[in-house]
N, C-alpha and C. Protein backbone atom coordinates (compact mmCIF):
# COMPACT_ATOMS: atom_id res chain seq x y z
N MET A 1 -13.20 76.18 -37.80
CA MET A 1 -11.79 76.22 -37.20
C MET A 1 -10.89 76.55 -38.30
N CYS A 2 -9.96 77.37 -37.88
CA CYS A 2 -8.96 77.78 -38.86
C CYS A 2 -7.71 76.84 -38.73
N THR A 3 -6.82 76.87 -39.62
CA THR A 3 -5.69 75.96 -39.60
C THR A 3 -4.76 76.26 -38.38
N LYS A 4 -4.77 77.53 -37.99
CA LYS A 4 -3.88 77.91 -36.78
C LYS A 4 -4.37 77.17 -35.57
N ASP A 5 -5.67 77.13 -35.36
CA ASP A 5 -6.23 76.35 -34.22
C ASP A 5 -5.97 74.83 -34.31
N ILE A 6 -5.98 74.34 -35.58
CA ILE A 6 -5.73 72.90 -35.71
C ILE A 6 -4.30 72.63 -35.40
N VAL A 7 -3.36 73.44 -35.86
CA VAL A 7 -1.98 73.26 -35.69
C VAL A 7 -1.65 73.41 -34.14
N ALA A 8 -2.27 74.37 -33.53
CA ALA A 8 -2.05 74.54 -32.08
C ALA A 8 -2.57 73.27 -31.30
N ALA A 9 -3.72 72.80 -31.65
CA ALA A 9 -4.26 71.68 -30.99
C ALA A 9 -3.33 70.42 -31.18
N LEU A 10 -2.88 70.24 -32.40
CA LEU A 10 -1.93 69.16 -32.70
C LEU A 10 -0.61 69.29 -31.83
N ALA A 11 -0.15 70.48 -31.84
CA ALA A 11 1.07 70.77 -31.05
C ALA A 11 0.95 70.52 -29.61
N ILE A 12 -0.21 70.85 -29.05
CA ILE A 12 -0.48 70.68 -27.61
C ILE A 12 -0.62 69.12 -27.37
N GLY A 13 -1.29 68.46 -28.18
CA GLY A 13 -1.44 67.07 -28.07
C GLY A 13 -0.15 66.33 -28.18
N SER A 14 0.70 66.69 -29.10
CA SER A 14 2.01 66.06 -29.24
C SER A 14 2.92 66.32 -28.03
N LEU A 15 2.75 67.62 -27.54
CA LEU A 15 3.61 68.01 -26.36
C LEU A 15 3.12 67.15 -25.17
N LEU A 16 1.88 66.95 -24.94
CA LEU A 16 1.34 66.18 -23.88
C LEU A 16 1.76 64.77 -24.01
N ALA A 17 1.78 64.16 -25.14
CA ALA A 17 2.12 62.83 -25.36
C ALA A 17 3.65 62.63 -25.07
N VAL A 18 4.41 63.52 -25.46
CA VAL A 18 5.90 63.50 -25.26
C VAL A 18 6.23 63.65 -23.79
N ALA A 19 5.45 64.57 -23.17
CA ALA A 19 5.65 64.82 -21.75
C ALA A 19 5.21 63.66 -20.79
N GLN A 20 4.23 62.97 -21.22
CA GLN A 20 3.75 61.79 -20.51
C GLN A 20 4.50 60.44 -20.71
N GLN A 21 5.30 60.44 -21.76
CA GLN A 21 5.99 59.22 -22.14
C GLN A 21 6.97 58.73 -20.97
N PRO A 22 7.82 59.62 -20.38
CA PRO A 22 8.65 59.07 -19.32
C PRO A 22 7.85 58.49 -18.10
N ALA A 23 6.79 59.11 -17.77
CA ALA A 23 5.97 58.58 -16.64
C ALA A 23 5.41 57.25 -17.04
N CYS A 24 4.98 57.11 -18.25
CA CYS A 24 4.43 55.84 -18.70
C CYS A 24 5.50 54.73 -18.72
N LEU A 25 6.70 55.04 -19.15
CA LEU A 25 7.77 54.11 -19.16
C LEU A 25 8.22 53.75 -17.76
N ALA A 26 8.15 54.73 -16.80
CA ALA A 26 8.49 54.41 -15.40
C ALA A 26 7.54 53.53 -14.86
N ASN A 27 6.17 53.73 -15.10
CA ASN A 27 5.13 52.90 -14.64
C ASN A 27 5.27 51.39 -15.14
N LEU A 28 5.57 51.29 -16.48
CA LEU A 28 5.76 49.98 -17.04
C LEU A 28 6.98 49.31 -16.43
N ALA A 29 8.03 50.00 -16.17
CA ALA A 29 9.17 49.38 -15.61
C ALA A 29 8.91 48.92 -14.14
N GLN A 30 8.20 49.73 -13.36
CA GLN A 30 7.82 49.36 -12.02
C GLN A 30 6.85 48.12 -12.06
N ALA A 31 5.92 48.07 -12.97
CA ALA A 31 5.01 46.92 -13.10
C ALA A 31 5.76 45.77 -13.41
N ASN A 32 6.79 45.82 -14.29
CA ASN A 32 7.61 44.70 -14.66
C ASN A 32 8.39 44.17 -13.47
N LEU A 33 8.93 45.11 -12.70
CA LEU A 33 9.69 44.68 -11.48
C LEU A 33 8.80 44.02 -10.46
N VAL A 34 7.65 44.53 -10.21
CA VAL A 34 6.71 43.96 -9.35
C VAL A 34 6.28 42.55 -9.76
N PHE A 35 6.10 42.43 -11.04
CA PHE A 35 5.68 41.11 -11.59
C PHE A 35 6.78 40.03 -11.41
N ALA A 36 8.06 40.47 -11.80
CA ALA A 36 9.15 39.56 -11.54
C ALA A 36 9.34 39.19 -10.16
N LEU A 37 9.23 40.10 -9.23
CA LEU A 37 9.41 39.84 -7.83
C LEU A 37 8.32 38.93 -7.34
N ASN A 38 7.08 39.08 -7.82
CA ASN A 38 5.97 38.20 -7.42
C ASN A 38 6.24 36.79 -7.91
N LEU A 39 6.67 36.62 -9.11
CA LEU A 39 7.06 35.28 -9.66
C LEU A 39 8.13 34.62 -8.86
N SER A 40 9.13 35.39 -8.51
CA SER A 40 10.25 34.78 -7.66
C SER A 40 9.72 34.33 -6.26
N HIS A 41 8.82 35.11 -5.63
CA HIS A 41 8.23 34.73 -4.39
C HIS A 41 7.43 33.47 -4.54
N GLN A 42 6.63 33.40 -5.62
CA GLN A 42 5.84 32.21 -5.90
C GLN A 42 6.68 30.97 -6.08
N ASN A 43 7.77 31.17 -6.69
CA ASN A 43 8.75 30.07 -6.95
C ASN A 43 9.31 29.60 -5.61
N ALA A 44 9.73 30.57 -4.80
CA ALA A 44 10.27 30.24 -3.46
C ALA A 44 9.36 29.53 -2.60
N VAL A 45 8.07 29.97 -2.57
CA VAL A 45 6.98 29.31 -1.78
C VAL A 45 6.78 27.89 -2.28
N GLY A 46 6.78 27.72 -3.61
CA GLY A 46 6.62 26.34 -4.16
C GLY A 46 7.71 25.40 -3.75
N HIS A 47 8.97 25.96 -3.75
CA HIS A 47 10.07 25.08 -3.31
C HIS A 47 9.99 24.74 -1.82
N LEU A 48 9.50 25.65 -1.02
CA LEU A 48 9.31 25.41 0.44
C LEU A 48 8.30 24.43 0.64
N GLN A 49 7.18 24.47 -0.15
CA GLN A 49 6.13 23.47 0.01
C GLN A 49 6.63 22.08 -0.41
N HIS A 50 7.43 21.97 -1.44
CA HIS A 50 7.96 20.64 -1.78
C HIS A 50 8.89 20.16 -0.77
N LEU A 51 9.75 21.01 -0.24
CA LEU A 51 10.68 20.60 0.84
C LEU A 51 9.90 20.11 2.08
N ALA A 52 8.79 20.80 2.46
CA ALA A 52 7.93 20.39 3.57
C ALA A 52 7.38 18.97 3.33
N GLN A 53 6.88 18.80 2.07
CA GLN A 53 6.32 17.44 1.78
C GLN A 53 7.37 16.39 1.84
N LEU A 54 8.57 16.66 1.32
CA LEU A 54 9.63 15.70 1.36
C LEU A 54 10.03 15.37 2.78
N GLN A 55 10.16 16.37 3.62
CA GLN A 55 10.47 16.24 5.02
C GLN A 55 9.45 15.37 5.74
N LEU A 56 8.14 15.65 5.38
CA LEU A 56 7.09 14.87 6.07
C LEU A 56 7.11 13.38 5.62
N ALA A 57 7.44 13.12 4.31
CA ALA A 57 7.64 11.73 3.89
C ALA A 57 8.78 11.02 4.55
N ILE A 58 9.89 11.77 4.70
CA ILE A 58 11.05 11.15 5.32
C ILE A 58 10.78 10.88 6.85
N VAL A 59 10.12 11.80 7.57
CA VAL A 59 9.84 11.56 8.94
C VAL A 59 8.82 10.37 9.08
N GLY A 60 7.91 10.28 8.13
CA GLY A 60 6.88 9.25 8.16
C GLY A 60 7.54 7.84 8.00
N ARG A 61 8.49 7.78 6.96
CA ARG A 61 9.13 6.48 6.73
C ARG A 61 10.09 6.15 7.93
N THR A 62 10.71 7.13 8.49
CA THR A 62 11.53 6.83 9.66
C THR A 62 10.67 6.36 10.83
N VAL A 63 9.61 6.92 11.05
CA VAL A 63 8.77 6.51 12.15
C VAL A 63 8.24 5.11 11.91
N ASN A 64 7.79 4.82 10.70
CA ASN A 64 7.35 3.54 10.36
C ASN A 64 8.37 2.45 10.50
N ALA A 65 9.60 2.81 10.12
CA ALA A 65 10.71 1.78 10.17
C ALA A 65 11.06 1.63 11.69
N THR A 66 10.98 2.61 12.46
CA THR A 66 11.41 2.50 13.79
C THR A 66 10.31 1.78 14.63
N LEU A 67 9.07 2.04 14.37
CA LEU A 67 8.05 1.40 15.18
C LEU A 67 7.60 -0.01 14.70
N ALA A 68 7.95 -0.29 13.45
CA ALA A 68 7.48 -1.60 12.80
C ALA A 68 8.08 -2.80 13.60
N PRO A 69 7.34 -3.80 13.84
CA PRO A 69 7.89 -4.95 14.48
C PRO A 69 8.81 -5.67 13.51
N ALA A 70 9.80 -6.42 14.13
CA ALA A 70 10.77 -7.13 13.33
C ALA A 70 10.06 -8.24 12.47
N PRO A 71 10.53 -8.56 11.32
CA PRO A 71 9.84 -9.56 10.49
C PRO A 71 9.91 -10.93 11.21
N ARG A 72 8.88 -11.69 11.13
CA ARG A 72 8.89 -13.02 11.71
C ARG A 72 9.63 -14.00 10.84
N GLY A 73 10.14 -15.03 11.49
CA GLY A 73 10.88 -16.01 10.76
C GLY A 73 12.32 -15.69 10.36
N VAL A 74 12.82 -14.61 10.89
CA VAL A 74 14.17 -14.33 10.63
C VAL A 74 15.04 -15.13 11.59
N ARG A 75 16.05 -15.78 11.03
CA ARG A 75 16.91 -16.58 11.85
C ARG A 75 18.02 -15.77 12.30
N PRO A 76 18.50 -15.93 13.54
CA PRO A 76 19.67 -15.13 13.91
C PRO A 76 20.94 -15.51 13.17
N LEU A 77 21.84 -14.55 12.99
CA LEU A 77 23.02 -14.81 12.23
C LEU A 77 24.03 -15.69 13.05
N LEU A 78 24.02 -15.64 14.34
CA LEU A 78 24.89 -16.42 15.23
C LEU A 78 24.08 -17.37 15.96
N PRO A 79 24.55 -18.63 16.20
CA PRO A 79 23.79 -19.57 17.07
C PRO A 79 23.72 -19.10 18.42
N ALA A 80 22.65 -19.49 19.16
CA ALA A 80 22.40 -19.06 20.49
C ALA A 80 23.31 -19.89 21.45
N ARG A 81 24.54 -19.87 21.35
CA ARG A 81 25.51 -20.56 22.21
C ARG A 81 25.20 -22.07 22.45
N THR A 82 24.67 -22.65 21.42
CA THR A 82 24.41 -24.12 21.60
C THR A 82 25.49 -24.89 20.95
N GLY A 83 26.31 -24.31 20.20
CA GLY A 83 27.40 -25.05 19.60
C GLY A 83 26.98 -25.66 18.20
N THR A 84 25.74 -25.41 17.84
CA THR A 84 25.34 -25.87 16.53
C THR A 84 25.36 -24.77 15.60
N VAL A 85 25.57 -25.05 14.32
CA VAL A 85 25.61 -24.03 13.26
C VAL A 85 24.24 -24.13 12.60
N PRO A 86 23.62 -22.91 12.47
CA PRO A 86 22.24 -22.97 11.82
C PRO A 86 22.41 -23.35 10.34
N THR A 87 21.39 -24.13 9.89
CA THR A 87 21.44 -24.49 8.50
C THR A 87 20.48 -23.63 7.77
N VAL A 88 20.66 -23.46 6.49
CA VAL A 88 19.77 -22.70 5.63
C VAL A 88 18.76 -23.64 5.07
N CYS A 89 17.46 -23.32 5.24
CA CYS A 89 16.41 -24.17 4.65
C CYS A 89 15.98 -23.68 3.30
N SER A 90 15.87 -24.51 2.35
CA SER A 90 15.50 -24.09 1.02
C SER A 90 14.00 -24.18 0.85
């Protein structure tokens, strides 16, 4: 090979590298955008799952509190019209 062929090959290789650079940068930018969007969607799904778990816990406690029988041994605050005042037992 002569030096002219080597110079021509290097010039063509450099030209191709320079010509492909904008396409590579555009591909990298699009990949970065897709990655960031995917992370934000995963974050939103995680928040929704936590909210659903919290809602389930709140509903469960509310149902338990509603359906639980009243505690035994609780004295009424007002006497049952007997005229006597309830005493506190120690």
